C-alpha cells in the first residue's frame, strides 16, 4: 500500500489496515491522548487514542523520518550498547 492511498481511506479502513498489516513501534502521551506509532509498508502512522473516551480520534500518516523525533527519547539503547562492548 502507498501512503497516498492510505491517506484517502476512511478511519475504519485505516484502522483495519494498521492492525492487520502494520507493525507497532512505540507510543507517547500528549494531554488526553495516547499516540500509537505504527509502520505499514514504507510509511508511518500515528493513531491518536482519546484516553477518556477510549476511542480513536485521528490517524495521521507520514513518510518523513524527521517526524519520528518525538519517539527517540523513549527508545532504550542500553541493551544494544551492552552487546557492542568489547569483551
PDB file of N, CA and C in Angstrom:
ATOM      1  N   UNK A   1       0.839  -1.181   0.000  1.00  0.00           N
ATOM      2  CA  UNK A   1       0.000   0.000   0.000  1.00  0.00           C
ATOM      3  C   UNK A   1       0.884   1.244   0.000  1.00  0.00           C
ATOM      4  N   UNK A   2       0.460   2.244  -0.727  1.00  0.00           N
ATOM      5  CA  UNK A   2       1.179   3.516  -0.791  1.00  0.00           C
ATOM      6  C   UNK A   2       0.565   4.521   0.169  1.00  0.00           C
ATOM      7  N   UNK A   3       1.397   5.430   0.650  1.00  0.00           N
ATOM      8  CA  UNK A   3       0.953   6.464   1.578  1.00  0.00           C
ATOM      9  C   UNK A   3      -0.211   7.259   1.000  1.00  0.00           C
ATOM     10  N   UNK A   4      -0.120   7.631  -0.275  1.00  0.00           N
ATOM     11  CA  UNK A   4      -1.178   8.457  -0.869  1.00  0.00           C
ATOM     12  C   UNK A   4      -2.519   7.723  -0.898  1.00  0.00           C
ATOM     13  N   UNK A   5      -2.498   6.394  -1.014  1.00  0.00           N
ATOM     14  CA  UNK A   5      -3.744   5.627  -0.974  1.00  0.00           C
ATOM     15  C   UNK A   5      -4.281   5.532   0.450  1.00  0.00           C
ATOM     16  N   UNK A   6      -3.379   5.301   1.398  1.00  0.00           N
ATOM     17  CA  UNK A   6      -3.781   5.175   2.795  1.00  0.00           C
ATOM     18  C   UNK A   6      -4.443   6.459   3.297  1.00  0.00           C
ATOM     19  N   UNK A   7      -3.880   7.594   2.929  1.00  0.00           N
ATOM     20  CA  UNK A   7      -4.393   8.878   3.411  1.00  0.00           C
ATOM     21  C   UNK A   7      -5.851   9.116   3.024  1.00  0.00           C
ATOM     22  N   UNK A   8      -6.283   8.554   1.906  1.00  0.00           N
ATOM     23  CA  UNK A   8      -7.643   8.813   1.432  1.00  0.00           C
ATOM     24  C   UNK A   8      -8.666   7.759   1.878  1.00  0.00           C
ATOM     25  N   UNK A   9      -8.201   6.777   2.650  1.00  0.00           N
ATOM     26  CA  UNK A   9      -9.133   5.786   3.197  1.00  0.00           C
ATOM     27  C   UNK A   9      -9.893   6.407   4.371  1.00  0.00           C
ATOM     28  N   UNK A  10     -11.073   5.877   4.680  1.00  0.00           N
ATOM     29  CA  UNK A  10     -11.793   6.367   5.853  1.00  0.00           C
ATOM     30  C   UNK A  10     -11.138   5.789   7.113  1.00  0.00           C
ATOM     31  N   UNK A  11     -11.522   6.318   8.269  1.00  0.00           N
ATOM     32  CA  UNK A  11     -10.877   5.948   9.526  1.00  0.00           C
ATOM     33  C   UNK A  11     -11.013   4.453   9.824  1.00  0.00           C
ATOM     34  N   UNK A  12     -12.141   3.872   9.550  1.00  0.00           N
ATOM     35  CA  UNK A  12     -12.343   2.445   9.810  1.00  0.00           C
ATOM     36  C   UNK A  12     -11.399   1.590   8.966  1.00  0.00           C
ATOM     37  N   UNK A  13     -11.267   1.928   7.701  1.00  0.00           N
ATOM     38  CA  UNK A  13     -10.380   1.171   6.806  1.00  0.00           C
ATOM     39  C   UNK A  13      -8.921   1.345   7.230  1.00  0.00           C
ATOM     40  N   UNK A  14      -8.535   2.560   7.620  1.00  0.00           N
ATOM     41  CA  UNK A  14      -7.169   2.794   8.096  1.00  0.00           C
ATOM     42  C   UNK A  14      -6.889   1.927   9.319  1.00  0.00           C
ATOM     43  N   UNK A  15      -7.839   1.886  10.240  1.00  0.00           N
ATOM     44  CA  UNK A  15      -7.691   1.078  11.449  1.00  0.00           C
ATOM     45  C   UNK A  15      -7.502  -0.391  11.090  1.00  0.00           C
ATOM     46  N   UNK A  16      -8.320  -0.906  10.199  1.00  0.00           N
ATOM     47  CA  UNK A  16      -8.201  -2.295   9.761  1.00  0.00           C
ATOM     48  C   UNK A  16      -6.831  -2.575   9.151  1.00  0.00           C
ATOM     49  N   UNK A  17      -6.376  -1.673   8.290  1.00  0.00           N
ATOM     50  CA  UNK A  17      -5.076  -1.852   7.644  1.00  0.00           C
ATOM     51  C   UNK A  17      -3.937  -1.833   8.655  1.00  0.00           C
ATOM     52  N   UNK A  18      -3.996  -0.912   9.602  1.00  0.00           N
ATOM     53  CA  UNK A  18      -2.933  -0.813  10.601  1.00  0.00           C
ATOM     54  C   UNK A  18      -2.859  -2.050  11.481  1.00  0.00           C
ATOM     55  N   UNK A  19      -4.010  -2.511  11.950  1.00  0.00           N
ATOM     56  CA  UNK A  19      -3.994  -3.642  12.861  1.00  0.00           C
ATOM     57  C   UNK A  19      -3.792  -4.980  12.160  1.00  0.00           C
ATOM     58  N   UNK A  20      -3.990  -5.035  10.845  1.00  0.00           N
ATOM     59  CA  UNK A  20      -3.746  -6.285  10.132  1.00  0.00           C
ATOM     60  C   UNK A  20      -2.386  -6.316   9.429  1.00  0.00           C
ATOM     61  N   UNK A  21      -1.879  -5.156   8.983  1.00  0.00           N
ATOM     62  CA  UNK A  21      -0.625  -5.125   8.221  1.00  0.00           C
ATOM     63  C   UNK A  21       0.456  -4.247   8.835  1.00  0.00           C
ATOM     64  N   UNK A  22       0.104  -3.484   9.848  1.00  0.00           N
ATOM     65  CA  UNK A  22       1.072  -2.577  10.449  1.00  0.00           C
ATOM     66  C   UNK A  22       1.864  -3.237  11.566  1.00  0.00           C
ATOM     67  N   UNK A  23       3.010  -2.652  11.852  1.00  0.00           N
ATOM     68  CA  UNK A  23       3.854  -3.102  12.960  1.00  0.00           C
ATOM     69  C   UNK A  23       3.896  -1.995  14.007  1.00  0.00           C
ATOM     70  N   UNK A  24       3.477  -2.320  15.223  1.00  0.00           N
ATOM     71  CA  UNK A  24       3.508  -1.354  16.311  1.00  0.00           C
ATOM     72  C   UNK A  24       4.960  -1.063  16.658  1.00  0.00           C
ATOM     73  N   UNK A  25       5.306   0.228  16.804  1.00  0.00           N
ATOM     74  CA  UNK A  25       6.679   0.615  17.106  1.00  0.00           C
ATOM     75  C   UNK A  25       6.847   1.260  18.481  1.00  0.00           C
ATOM     76  N   UNK A  26       5.950   2.165  18.835  1.00  0.00           N
ATOM     77  CA  UNK A  26       6.137   2.913  20.080  1.00  0.00           C
ATOM     78  C   UNK A  26       4.855   3.658  20.421  1.00  0.00           C
ATOM     79  N   UNK A  27       4.881   4.309  21.581  1.00  0.00           N
ATOM     80  CA  UNK A  27       3.752   5.156  21.964  1.00  0.00           C
ATOM     81  C   UNK A  27       4.265   6.333  22.768  1.00  0.00           C
ATOM     82  N   UNK A  28       3.432   7.349  22.879  1.00  0.00           N
ATOM     83  CA  UNK A  28       3.733   8.527  23.689  1.00  0.00           C
ATOM     84  C   UNK A  28       2.414   9.140  24.117  1.00  0.00           C
ATOM     85  N   UNK A  29       2.483  10.039  25.087  1.00  0.00           N
ATOM     86  CA  UNK A  29       1.265  10.688  25.583  1.00  0.00           C
ATOM     87  C   UNK A  29       1.365  12.191  25.387  1.00  0.00           C
ATOM     88  N   UNK A  30       0.250  12.778  24.978  1.00  0.00           N
ATOM     89  CA  UNK A  30       0.100  14.224  24.899  1.00  0.00           C
ATOM     90  C   UNK A  30      -1.277  14.555  25.450  1.00  0.00           C
ATOM     91  N   UNK A  31      -1.303  15.269  26.547  1.00  0.00           N
ATOM     92  CA  UNK A  31      -2.562  15.658  27.200  1.00  0.00           C
ATOM     93  C   UNK A  31      -3.486  14.467  27.350  1.00  0.00           C
ATOM     94  N   UNK A  32      -4.655  14.493  26.728  1.00  0.00           N
ATOM     95  CA  UNK A  32      -5.646  13.426  26.882  1.00  0.00           C
ATOM     96  C   UNK A  32      -5.544  12.340  25.819  1.00  0.00           C
ATOM     97  N   UNK A  33      -4.413  12.287  25.120  1.00  0.00           N
ATOM     98  CA  UNK A  33      -4.256  11.301  24.048  1.00  0.00           C
ATOM     99  C   UNK A  33      -3.041  10.417  24.279  1.00  0.00           C
ATOM    100  N   UNK A  34      -3.199   9.137  23.968  1.00  0.00           N
ATOM    101  CA  UNK A  34      -2.073   8.236  23.803  1.00  0.00           C
ATOM    102  C   UNK A  34      -1.904   8.091  22.307  1.00  0.00           C
ATOM    103  N   UNK A  35      -0.694   8.298  21.838  1.00  0.00           N
ATOM    104  CA  UNK A  35      -0.419   8.235  20.399  1.00  0.00           C
ATOM    105  C   UNK A  35       0.392   6.974  20.134  1.00  0.00           C
ATOM    106  N   UNK A  36      -0.169   6.106  19.317  1.00  0.00           N
ATOM    107  CA  UNK A  36       0.475   4.844  18.969  1.00  0.00           C
ATOM    108  C   UNK A  36       1.128   4.990  17.604  1.00  0.00           C
ATOM    109  N   UNK A  37       2.383   4.604  17.503  1.00  0.00           N
ATOM    110  CA  UNK A  37       3.116   4.699  16.246  1.00  0.00           C
ATOM    111  C   UNK A  37       3.196   3.322  15.596  1.00  0.00           C
ATOM    112  N   UNK A  38       2.820   3.268  14.323  1.00  0.00           N
ATOM    113  CA  UNK A  38       2.879   2.040  13.528  1.00  0.00           C
ATOM    114  C   UNK A  38       3.684   2.303  12.262  1.00  0.00           C
ATOM    115  N   UNK A  39       4.305   1.245  11.753  1.00  0.00           N
ATOM    116  CA  UNK A  39       4.883   1.290  10.415  1.00  0.00           C
ATOM    117  C   UNK A  39       4.070   0.337   9.565  1.00  0.00           C
ATOM    118  N   UNK A  40       3.705   0.818   8.391  1.00  0.00           N
ATOM    119  CA  UNK A  40       2.981  -0.016   7.442  1.00  0.00           C
ATOM    120  C   UNK A  40       3.581   0.266   6.068  1.00  0.00           C
ATOM    121  N   UNK A  41       4.056  -0.774   5.428  1.00  0.00           N
ATOM    122  CA  UNK A  41       4.747  -0.632   4.140  1.00  0.00           C
ATOM    123  C   UNK A  41       5.905   0.353   4.316  1.00  0.00           C
ATOM    124  N   UNK A  42       5.958   1.399   3.514  1.00  0.00           N
ATOM    125  CA  UNK A  42       7.085   2.331   3.557  1.00  0.00           C
ATOM    126  C   UNK A  42       6.742   3.648   4.256  1.00  0.00           C
ATOM    127  N   UNK A  43       5.726   3.643   5.100  1.00  0.00           N
ATOM    128  CA  UNK A  43       5.362   4.874   5.806  1.00  0.00           C
ATOM    129  C   UNK A  43       4.958   4.563   7.247  1.00  0.00           C
ATOM    130  N   UNK A  44       4.712   5.609   7.988  1.00  0.00           N
ATOM    131  CA  UNK A  44       4.356   5.508   9.398  1.00  0.00           C
ATOM    132  C   UNK A  44       2.969   6.098   9.617  1.00  0.00           C
ATOM    133  N   UNK A  45       2.326   5.677  10.688  1.00  0.00           N
ATOM    134  CA  UNK A  45       1.020   6.235  11.042  1.00  0.00           C
ATOM    135  C   UNK A  45       0.948   6.394  12.552  1.00  0.00           C
ATOM    136  N   UNK A  46       0.430   7.535  12.962  1.00  0.00           N
ATOM    137  CA  UNK A  46       0.170   7.782  14.372  1.00  0.00           C
ATOM    138  C   UNK A  46      -1.331   7.654  14.599  1.00  0.00           C
ATOM    139  N   UNK A  47      -1.694   6.878  15.600  1.00  0.00           N
ATOM    140  CA  UNK A  47      -3.087   6.682  15.960  1.00  0.00           C
ATOM    141  C   UNK A  47      -3.311   7.423  17.275  1.00  0.00           C
ATOM    142  N   UNK A  48      -4.127   8.463  17.224  1.00  0.00           N
ATOM    143  CA  UNK A  48      -4.429   9.267  18.405  1.00  0.00           C
ATOM    144  C   UNK A  48      -5.628   8.653  19.119  1.00  0.00           C
ATOM    145  N   UNK A  49      -5.374   8.092  20.301  1.00  0.00           N
ATOM    146  CA  UNK A  49      -6.430   7.448  21.077  1.00  0.00           C
ATOM    147  C   UNK A  49      -6.823   8.381  22.217  1.00  0.00           C
ATOM    148  N   UNK A  50      -8.077   8.769  22.242  1.00  0.00           N
ATOM    149  CA  UNK A  50      -8.613   9.596  23.322  1.00  0.00           C
ATOM    150  C   UNK A  50      -8.693   8.719  24.565  1.00  0.00           C
ATOM    151  N   UNK A  51      -7.871   9.021  25.574  1.00  0.00           N
ATOM    152  CA  UNK A  51      -7.798   8.150  26.751  1.00  0.00           C
ATOM    153  C   UNK A  51      -9.042   8.237  27.627  1.00  0.00           C
ATOM    154  N   UNK A  52      -9.776   9.317  27.527  1.00  0.00           N
ATOM    155  CA  UNK A  52     -11.010   9.431  28.305  1.00  0.00           C
ATOM    156  C   UNK A  52     -12.138   8.622  27.668  1.00  0.00           C
ATOM    157  N   UNK A  53     -12.271   8.736  26.365  1.00  0.00           N
ATOM    158  CA  UNK A  53     -13.333   8.032  25.635  1.00  0.00           C
ATOM    159  C   UNK A  53     -12.912   6.628  25.195  1.00  0.00           C
ATOM    160  N   UNK A  54     -11.608   6.354  25.218  1.00  0.00           N
ATOM    161  CA  UNK A  54     -11.042   5.077  24.770  1.00  0.00           C
ATOM    162  C   UNK A  54     -11.455   4.740  23.335  1.00  0.00           C
ATOM    163  N   UNK A  55     -11.301   5.738  22.467  1.00  0.00           N
ATOM    164  CA  UNK A  55     -11.575   5.501  21.054  1.00  0.00           C
ATOM    165  C   UNK A  55     -10.608   6.322  20.205  1.00  0.00           C
ATOM    166  N   UNK A  56     -10.441   5.896  18.979  1.00  0.00           N
ATOM    167  CA  UNK A  56      -9.522   6.569  18.066  1.00  0.00           C
ATOM    168  C   UNK A  56     -10.147   7.873  17.600  1.00  0.00           C
ATOM    169  N   UNK A  57      -9.406   8.948  17.807  1.00  0.00           N
ATOM    170  CA  UNK A  57      -9.888  10.245  17.381  1.00  0.00           C
ATOM    171  C   UNK A  57      -9.363  10.626  16.002  1.00  0.00           C
ATOM    172  N   UNK A  58      -8.130  10.207  15.694  1.00  0.00           N
ATOM    173  CA  UNK A  58      -7.487  10.673  14.477  1.00  0.00           C
ATOM    174  C   UNK A  58      -6.361   9.711  14.117  1.00  0.00           C
ATOM    175  N   UNK A  59      -6.109   9.549  12.830  1.00  0.00           N
ATOM    176  CA  UNK A  59      -4.969   8.765  12.345  1.00  0.00           C
ATOM    177  C   UNK A  59      -4.204   9.636  11.358  1.00  0.00           C
ATOM    178  N   UNK A  60      -2.929   9.848  11.649  1.00  0.00           N
ATOM    179  CA  UNK A  60      -2.077  10.706  10.816  1.00  0.00           C
ATOM    180  C   UNK A  60      -0.971   9.857  10.208  1.00  0.00           C
ATOM    181  N   UNK A  61      -0.807   9.932   8.892  1.00  0.00           N
ATOM    182  CA  UNK A  61       0.207   9.144   8.192  1.00  0.00           C
ATOM    183  C   UNK A  61       1.273  10.064   7.614  1.00  0.00           C
ATOM    184  N   UNK A  62       2.523   9.561   7.592  1.00  0.00           N
ATOM    185  CA  UNK A  62       3.639  10.355   7.069  1.00  0.00           C
ATOM    186  C   UNK A  62       4.769   9.429   6.653  1.00  0.00           C
ATOM    187  N   UNK A  63       5.697   9.947   5.866  1.00  0.00           N
ATOM    188  CA  UNK A  63       6.829   9.128   5.429  1.00  0.00           C
ATOM    189  C   UNK A  63       8.175   9.686   5.877  1.00  0.00           C
ATOM    190  N   UNK A  64       8.207  10.901   6.372  1.00  0.00           N
ATOM    191  CA  UNK A  64       9.465  11.532   6.770  1.00  0.00           C
ATOM    192  C   UNK A  64       9.963  10.971   8.103  1.00  0.00           C
ATOM    193  N   UNK A  65      11.215  10.537   8.140  1.00  0.00           N
ATOM    194  CA  UNK A  65      11.779  10.036   9.391  1.00  0.00           C
ATOM    195  C   UNK A  65      11.965  11.160  10.409  1.00  0.00           C
ATOM    196  N   UNK A  66      11.985  12.400   9.961  1.00  0.00           N
ATOM    197  CA  UNK A  66      12.081  13.529  10.888  1.00  0.00           C
ATOM    198  C   UNK A  66      10.882  13.560  11.839  1.00  0.00           C
ATOM    199  N   UNK A  67       9.755  13.041  11.396  1.00  0.00           N
ATOM    200  CA  UNK A  67       8.543  13.017  12.207  1.00  0.00           C
ATOM    201  C   UNK A  67       8.648  12.011  13.368  1.00  0.00           C
ATOM    202  N   UNK A  68       9.698  11.193  13.374  1.00  0.00           N
ATOM    203  CA  UNK A  68       9.879  10.193  14.423  1.00  0.00           C
ATOM    204  C   UNK A  68      10.583  10.765  15.657  1.00  0.00           C
ATOM    205  N   UNK A  69      11.065  11.984  15.579  1.00  0.00           N
ATOM    206  CA  UNK A  69      11.815  12.589  16.685  1.00  0.00           C
ATOM    207  C   UNK A  69      11.124  12.503  18.039  1.00  0.00           C
ATOM    208  N   UNK A  70       9.821  12.709  18.156  1.00  0.00           N
ATOM    209  CA  UNK A  70       9.196  12.623  19.488  1.00  0.00           C
ATOM    210  C   UNK A  70       9.319  11.244  20.146  1.00  0.00           C
ATOM    211  N   UNK A  71       9.626  10.220  19.373  1.00  0.00           N
ATOM    212  CA  UNK A  71       9.714   8.868  19.909  1.00  0.00           C
ATOM    213  C   UNK A  71      11.136   8.464  20.281  1.00  0.00           C
ATOM    214  N   UNK A  72      12.118   9.210  19.826  1.00  0.00           N
ATOM    215  CA  UNK A  72      13.513   8.807  20.014  1.00  0.00           C
ATOM    216  C   UNK A  72      13.933   8.765  21.472  1.00  0.00           C
ATOM    217  N   UNK A  73      13.390   9.633  22.306  1.00  0.00           N
ATOM    218  CA  UNK A  73      13.756   9.642  23.726  1.00  0.00           C
ATOM    219  C   UNK A  73      13.244   8.416  24.464  1.00  0.00           C
ATOM    220  N   UNK A  74      12.239   7.747  23.939  1.00  0.00           N
ATOM    221  CA  UNK A  74      11.668   6.599  24.635  1.00  0.00           C
ATOM    222  C   UNK A  74      12.334   5.278  24.252  1.00  0.00           C
ATOM    223  N   UNK A  75      13.293   5.324  23.328  1.00  0.00           N
ATOM    224  CA  UNK A  75      13.968   4.102  22.898  1.00  0.00           C
ATOM    225  C   UNK A  75      15.126   3.815  23.841  1.00  0.00           C
ATOM    226  N   UNK A  76      15.136   2.627  24.410  1.00  0.00           N
ATOM    227  CA  UNK A  76      16.188   2.219  25.324  1.00  0.00           C
ATOM    228  C   UNK A  76      17.311   1.555  24.530  1.00  0.00           C
ATOM    229  N   UNK A  77      18.459   2.226  24.450  1.00  0.00           N
ATOM    230  CA  UNK A  77      19.588   1.702  23.681  1.00  0.00           C
ATOM    231  C   UNK A  77      20.595   0.954  24.546  1.00  0.00           C
ATOM    232  N   UNK A  78      20.358   0.849  25.845  1.00  0.00           N
ATOM    233  CA  UNK A  78      21.346   0.234  26.744  1.00  0.00           C
ATOM    234  C   UNK A  78      21.636  -1.215  26.366  1.00  0.00           C
ATOM    235  N   UNK A  79      20.617  -1.965  25.957  1.00  0.00           N
ATOM    236  CA  UNK A  79      20.860  -3.364  25.570  1.00  0.00           C
ATOM    237  C   UNK A  79      21.721  -3.446  24.319  1.00  0.00           C
ATOM    238  N   UNK A  80      21.507  -2.542  23.393  1.00  0.00           N
ATOM    239  CA  UNK A  80      22.312  -2.533  22.162  1.00  0.00           C
ATOM    240  C   UNK A  80      23.762  -2.208  22.495  1.00  0.00           C
ATOM    241  N   UNK A  81      23.968  -1.189  23.349  1.00  0.00           N
ATOM    242  CA  UNK A  81      25.327  -0.800  23.716  1.00  0.00           C
ATOM    243  C   UNK A  81      26.027  -1.894  24.515  1.00  0.00           C
ATOM    244  N   UNK A  82      25.311  -2.638  25.328  1.00  0.00           N
ATOM    245  CA  UNK A  82      25.935  -3.713  26.103  1.00  0.00           C
ATOM    246  C   UNK A  82      26.416  -4.835  25.175  1.00  0.00           C
ATOM    247  N   UNK A  83      25.731  -5.044  24.083  1.00  0.00           N
ATOM    248  CA  UNK A  83      26.138  -6.061  23.101  1.00  0.00           C
ATOM    249  C   UNK A  83      27.392  -5.600  22.364  1.00  0.00           C
ATOM    250  N   UNK A  84      27.515  -4.308  22.131  1.00  0.00           N
ATOM    251  CA  UNK A  84      28.629  -3.766  21.359  1.00  0.00           C
ATOM    252  C   UNK A  84      29.906  -3.578  22.167  1.00  0.00           C
ATOM    253  N   UNK A  85      29.846  -3.685  23.489  1.00  0.00           N
ATOM    254  CA  UNK A  85      31.032  -3.508  24.323  1.00  0.00           C
ATOM    255  C   UNK A  85      32.040  -4.607  24.048  1.00  0.00           C
ATOM    256  N   UNK A  86      33.322  -4.220  23.926  1.00  0.00           N
ATOM    257  CA  UNK A  86      34.346  -5.255  23.719  1.00  0.00           C
ATOM    258  C   UNK A  86      34.500  -6.122  24.980  1.00  0.00           C
ATOM    259  N   UNK A  87      34.818  -7.355  24.771  1.00  0.00           N
ATOM    260  CA  UNK A  87      34.950  -8.305  25.889  1.00  0.00           C
ATOM    261  C   UNK A  87      36.342  -8.301  26.438  1.00  0.00           C
TER     262      UNK A  87
END
